[in-house]
Protein backbone atom coordinates (compact mmCIF):
# COMPACT_ATOMS: atom_id res chain seq x y z
CA MET A 1 -1.25 -10.19 -44.01
CA PHE A 2 0.06 -10.16 -40.33
CA TYR A 3 -2.60 -7.65 -39.63
CA PHE A 4 -5.36 -9.94 -40.65
CA ASP A 5 -3.77 -12.73 -38.58
CA PRO A 6 -6.69 -14.30 -36.69
CA VAL A 7 -4.22 -15.03 -33.79
CA TYR A 8 -3.95 -11.40 -32.51
CA PHE A 9 -8.01 -11.95 -31.96
CA ILE A 10 -7.02 -14.90 -29.59
CA PHE A 11 -4.47 -12.93 -27.78
CA ILE A 12 -7.05 -10.11 -27.36
CA LEU A 13 -10.36 -11.77 -26.58
CA PRO A 14 -9.97 -11.84 -23.48
CA GLY A 15 -9.82 -8.06 -22.76
CA LEU A 16 -11.94 -7.35 -25.73
CA GLY A 17 -14.92 -9.91 -23.74
CA LEU A 18 -13.76 -7.66 -20.55
CA ALA A 19 -14.31 -4.54 -22.41
CA LEU A 20 -17.86 -5.28 -23.85
CA PHE A 21 -18.73 -6.59 -20.18
CA ALA A 22 -17.34 -3.24 -18.35
CA THR A 23 -19.37 -1.18 -21.10
CA PHE A 24 -22.28 -3.06 -20.47
CA LEU A 25 -21.86 -3.10 -16.29
CA THR A 26 -21.00 0.67 -16.56
CA LYS A 27 -23.93 2.05 -18.82
CA SER A 28 -26.86 -0.06 -17.10
CA THR A 29 -25.41 0.41 -13.59
CA PHE A 30 -25.16 4.11 -14.22
CA SER A 31 -28.86 3.87 -16.02
CA LYS A 32 -29.84 2.22 -12.55
CA TYR A 33 -28.96 4.68 -10.14
CA SER A 34 -29.53 7.69 -12.21
CA LYS A 35 -32.90 6.94 -11.33
CA VAL A 36 -32.43 6.98 -7.63
CA LYS A 37 -32.64 10.35 -6.14
CA SER A 38 -30.33 11.34 -3.18
CA SER A 39 -32.18 11.80 0.19
CA LYS A 40 -30.41 15.09 0.42
CA GLY A 41 -31.20 16.78 -2.91
CA PHE A 42 -27.48 17.93 -3.90
CA THR A 43 -27.04 18.66 -7.44
CA GLY A 44 -23.98 16.74 -9.10
CA ALA A 45 -22.43 20.14 -9.42
CA GLU A 46 -23.27 20.90 -5.88
CA ALA A 47 -21.40 17.59 -4.55
CA ALA A 48 -18.65 18.79 -6.54
CA PHE A 49 -18.09 21.95 -4.95
CA GLU A 50 -18.87 20.78 -1.27
CA MET A 51 -16.01 18.06 -2.11
CA LEU A 52 -13.84 20.61 -3.35
CA LYS A 53 -14.44 23.14 -0.58
CA ARG A 54 -13.73 20.36 2.29
CA SER A 55 -10.55 20.17 0.51
CA GLY A 56 -9.83 23.83 0.72
CA ILE A 57 -9.60 24.36 -3.11
CA GLY A 58 -11.54 27.33 -4.66
CA ASP A 59 -9.95 27.91 -7.76
CA VAL A 60 -11.76 25.16 -9.89
CA LYS A 61 -14.31 26.26 -11.75
CA VAL A 62 -17.13 23.48 -12.20
CA GLU A 63 -19.19 23.96 -15.33
CA PRO A 64 -21.40 21.38 -17.81
CA VAL A 65 -20.30 20.37 -20.99
CA ARG A 66 -22.38 18.39 -23.71
CA GLY A 67 -22.68 14.67 -24.38
CA ARG A 68 -23.21 11.34 -21.90
CA LEU A 69 -20.70 10.30 -19.47
CA THR A 70 -18.16 12.97 -20.69
CA ASP A 71 -17.41 14.07 -17.58
CA HIS A 72 -13.42 14.95 -16.81
CA TYR A 73 -11.10 17.26 -15.23
CA ASP A 74 -9.26 19.36 -17.38
CA PRO A 75 -5.92 20.09 -14.98
CA THR A 76 -4.59 22.72 -17.47
CA SER A 77 -7.15 25.25 -17.29
CA LYS A 78 -8.66 24.03 -13.25
CA THR A 79 -12.19 23.00 -14.78
CA LEU A 80 -14.22 20.19 -13.85
CA ARG A 81 -16.87 19.50 -16.40
CA LEU A 82 -19.79 17.63 -16.08
CA SER A 83 -22.13 15.97 -18.37
CA GLU A 84 -25.23 17.32 -18.83
CA ASP A 85 -26.59 13.61 -16.64
CA VAL A 86 -24.48 15.04 -14.22
CA TYR A 87 -24.50 18.32 -14.02
CA SER A 88 -28.06 19.23 -12.56
CA SER A 89 -28.88 15.60 -11.18
CA THR A 90 -29.74 14.86 -7.88
CA SER A 91 -29.13 11.11 -8.49
CA LEU A 92 -26.74 8.78 -6.73
CA ALA A 93 -25.20 7.93 -10.12
CA ALA A 94 -24.58 11.99 -10.60
CA ILE A 95 -23.38 12.61 -7.52
CA GLY A 96 -20.54 9.68 -7.30
CA VAL A 97 -19.75 10.48 -10.77
CA ALA A 98 -19.01 14.04 -9.75
CA CYS A 99 -17.17 13.15 -6.59
CA HIS A 100 -14.82 11.26 -8.73
CA GLU A 101 -13.81 14.04 -11.03
CA ALA A 102 -13.65 16.28 -8.04
CA GLY A 103 -10.96 13.76 -6.78
CA HIS A 104 -8.99 14.21 -9.89
CA ALA A 105 -8.91 17.97 -8.93
CA ILE A 106 -7.94 17.06 -5.56
CA GLN A 107 -5.46 15.15 -6.53
CA HIS A 108 -4.27 17.80 -8.97
CA ALA A 109 -4.09 20.31 -6.26
CA HIS A 110 -2.21 18.18 -3.64
CA GLY A 111 0.58 17.04 -6.32
CA TYR A 112 -0.54 13.66 -6.60
CA VAL A 113 2.50 11.73 -8.23
CA MET A 114 0.91 9.15 -10.17
CA LEU A 115 -1.57 11.84 -11.75
CA GLY A 116 1.56 14.08 -12.60
CA PHE A 117 2.97 11.14 -14.08
CA ARG A 118 -0.11 10.13 -16.17
CA THR A 119 -0.43 14.13 -17.41
CA ALA A 120 3.27 14.00 -18.54
CA LEU A 121 2.44 10.65 -20.76
CA VAL A 122 -0.55 12.11 -22.45
CA PRO A 123 1.29 14.04 -25.48
CA ALA A 124 3.86 11.01 -25.81
CA THR A 125 0.99 8.27 -25.54
CA SER A 126 -1.34 10.37 -28.21
CA PHE A 127 1.44 10.11 -30.97
CA CYS A 128 2.19 6.33 -30.16
CA SER A 129 -1.40 5.27 -29.97
CA SER A 130 -2.37 6.77 -33.24
CA LEU A 131 0.63 5.59 -35.45
CA TYR A 132 2.45 2.52 -33.94
CA ALA A 133 -0.15 0.06 -35.68
CA TRP A 134 1.29 1.75 -38.97
CA VAL A 135 5.00 1.66 -37.86
CA ILE A 136 4.82 -1.98 -37.21
CA MET A 137 3.07 -2.43 -40.89
CA PHE A 138 5.39 -0.82 -42.55
CA GLY A 139 8.14 -2.72 -40.52
CA PHE A 140 7.18 -5.99 -41.61
CA PHE A 141 6.02 -4.97 -45.55
CA PHE A 142 9.52 -3.60 -45.93
CA SER A 143 11.00 -6.18 -43.64
CA ALA A 144 12.65 -3.78 -41.68
CA PRO A 145 13.26 -5.09 -38.07
CA LYS A 146 14.00 -1.95 -36.52
CA LEU A 147 11.03 -0.53 -37.62
CA ILE A 148 9.09 -2.97 -36.07
CA LEU A 149 11.01 -2.28 -33.05
CA ILE A 150 10.48 1.12 -33.28
CA GLY A 151 6.41 0.54 -33.46
CA VAL A 152 6.50 -2.05 -30.70
CA ALA A 153 8.21 0.60 -28.73
CA MET A 154 5.71 2.61 -28.68
CA CYS A 155 2.46 0.59 -28.47
CA ALA A 156 4.52 -0.25 -24.96
CA MET A 157 4.49 3.35 -24.21
CA ALA A 158 0.53 3.10 -24.71
CA VAL A 159 0.74 0.07 -22.31
CA VAL A 160 2.31 2.37 -19.50
CA PHE A 161 0.22 4.98 -19.79
CA SER A 162 -3.03 2.48 -19.22
CA ILE A 163 -1.28 0.92 -16.25
CA VAL A 164 -0.54 4.35 -14.93
CA THR A 165 -4.53 4.99 -15.15
CA LEU A 166 -5.34 2.31 -12.93
CA PRO A 167 -4.08 3.63 -9.77
CA VAL A 168 -5.12 7.31 -10.39
CA GLU A 169 -8.52 6.12 -11.37
CA TRP A 170 -8.93 3.88 -8.54
CA ASP A 171 -7.87 6.83 -5.97
CA ALA A 172 -10.16 9.33 -7.36
CA SER A 173 -12.85 7.24 -6.37
CA ALA A 174 -11.44 6.18 -3.45
CA ARG A 175 -11.49 9.97 -2.34
CA ALA A 176 -15.07 10.34 -3.57
CA LYS A 177 -16.54 7.20 -1.42
CA LEU A 178 -15.08 8.74 1.71
CA ALA A 179 -16.16 12.39 0.71
CA MET A 180 -19.81 11.35 -0.04
CA VAL A 181 -20.04 10.44 3.54
CA ASP A 182 -17.91 12.92 5.51
CA VAL A 183 -19.34 15.92 3.98
CA SER A 184 -22.90 14.60 4.36
CA LEU A 185 -23.48 14.40 0.74
CA LEU A 186 -25.36 10.96 1.08
CA SER A 187 -25.78 7.90 3.86
CA PRO A 188 -23.76 5.22 4.20
CA GLU A 189 -25.82 3.23 2.37
CA GLU A 190 -26.57 5.48 -0.25
CA CYS A 191 -22.80 5.82 -0.48
CA GLU A 192 -22.33 1.98 -1.20
CA GLU A 193 -24.98 2.10 -3.93
CA ALA A 194 -23.05 5.05 -5.57
CA GLY A 195 -19.88 3.75 -5.28
CA LYS A 196 -20.84 0.89 -7.51
CA VAL A 197 -21.09 3.02 -10.25
CA LEU A 198 -17.87 3.79 -9.80
CA ASN A 199 -16.96 0.29 -9.41
CA ALA A 200 -18.38 -0.60 -12.90
CA ALA A 201 -16.65 2.64 -14.36
CA PHE A 202 -13.15 1.56 -13.08
CA LEU A 203 -13.64 -1.79 -14.93
CA THR A 204 -13.51 -0.20 -18.15
CA TYR A 205 -9.97 1.15 -17.46
CA LEU A 206 -9.21 -2.24 -16.07
CA ALA A 207 -10.45 -3.75 -19.43
CA SER A 208 -8.29 -1.18 -21.81
CA ALA A 209 -5.59 -2.07 -19.55
CA ILE A 210 -5.66 -5.54 -19.99
CA THR A 211 -6.65 -4.89 -23.77
CA ALA A 212 -2.73 -3.05 -24.12
CA VAL A 213 -1.06 -5.51 -22.66
CA LEU A 214 -2.32 -8.45 -24.48
CA THR A 215 -2.10 -6.28 -28.06
CA LEU A 216 2.10 -5.83 -26.92
CA LEU A 217 2.32 -9.90 -26.07
CA TYR A 218 0.66 -10.05 -29.37
CA TYR A 219 3.47 -8.08 -31.22
CA LEU A 220 5.82 -9.61 -29.04
CA TYR A 221 4.83 -12.70 -30.02
CA ARG A 222 5.53 -11.84 -34.04
CA LEU A 223 8.58 -10.70 -33.39
CA GLY A 224 9.21 -14.22 -31.73
CA LEU A 225 10.38 -12.84 -28.45
CA ILE A 226 7.89 -14.57 -26.34
CA GLY A 227 6.40 -17.98 -27.40
CA GLY A 228 9.47 -19.74 -28.92
CA ARG A 229 8.87 -18.56 -32.40
CA ARG A 230 11.16 -16.97 -34.55
């Protein structure tokens, strides 16, 4: 059956390898700098508050959330949720992650176009990502080319979302790196080290985008649309 096709693993192997490396690098880098305390003693929550205040934002809540590396900004409720390892920690890793999430809140407040685009894509992407493989599988099983094309189009939606995510995450990290120095949360040297955590995290998004693109290319190959197959 096509879904056990070893060619699929050949297609996604580069993305899978990068994803494994990115995950390892993110966890190890976060672990390393979570043991390095900042010289000025700000906690992750305090750093996020200071960054938001600097941007004139006073209507965003900052609250703790359970889990490890579960930090995120919820634009629907204007809530910045920081994991237990970040919220009350004074480490360089915690401040870097908190400021990154605050960067998303600032994007939202300032109407950053790419964030709005990504947010608009979330419902359709969630639906398509969970079903496209099944749609394609049934299309092949029942020899229904139109159904296969619908599945591939759904897969393409996931690819678009993963690509749109890249500038959103990069911009949030850029805002964080700038604010960590401008607001005097960290020294320039400490900011550089905290930035390594954000760079490692960005690599996971890049790996996800590459894997999504390679998966789409595989299905296009199976359809004979690339590679000269029919």
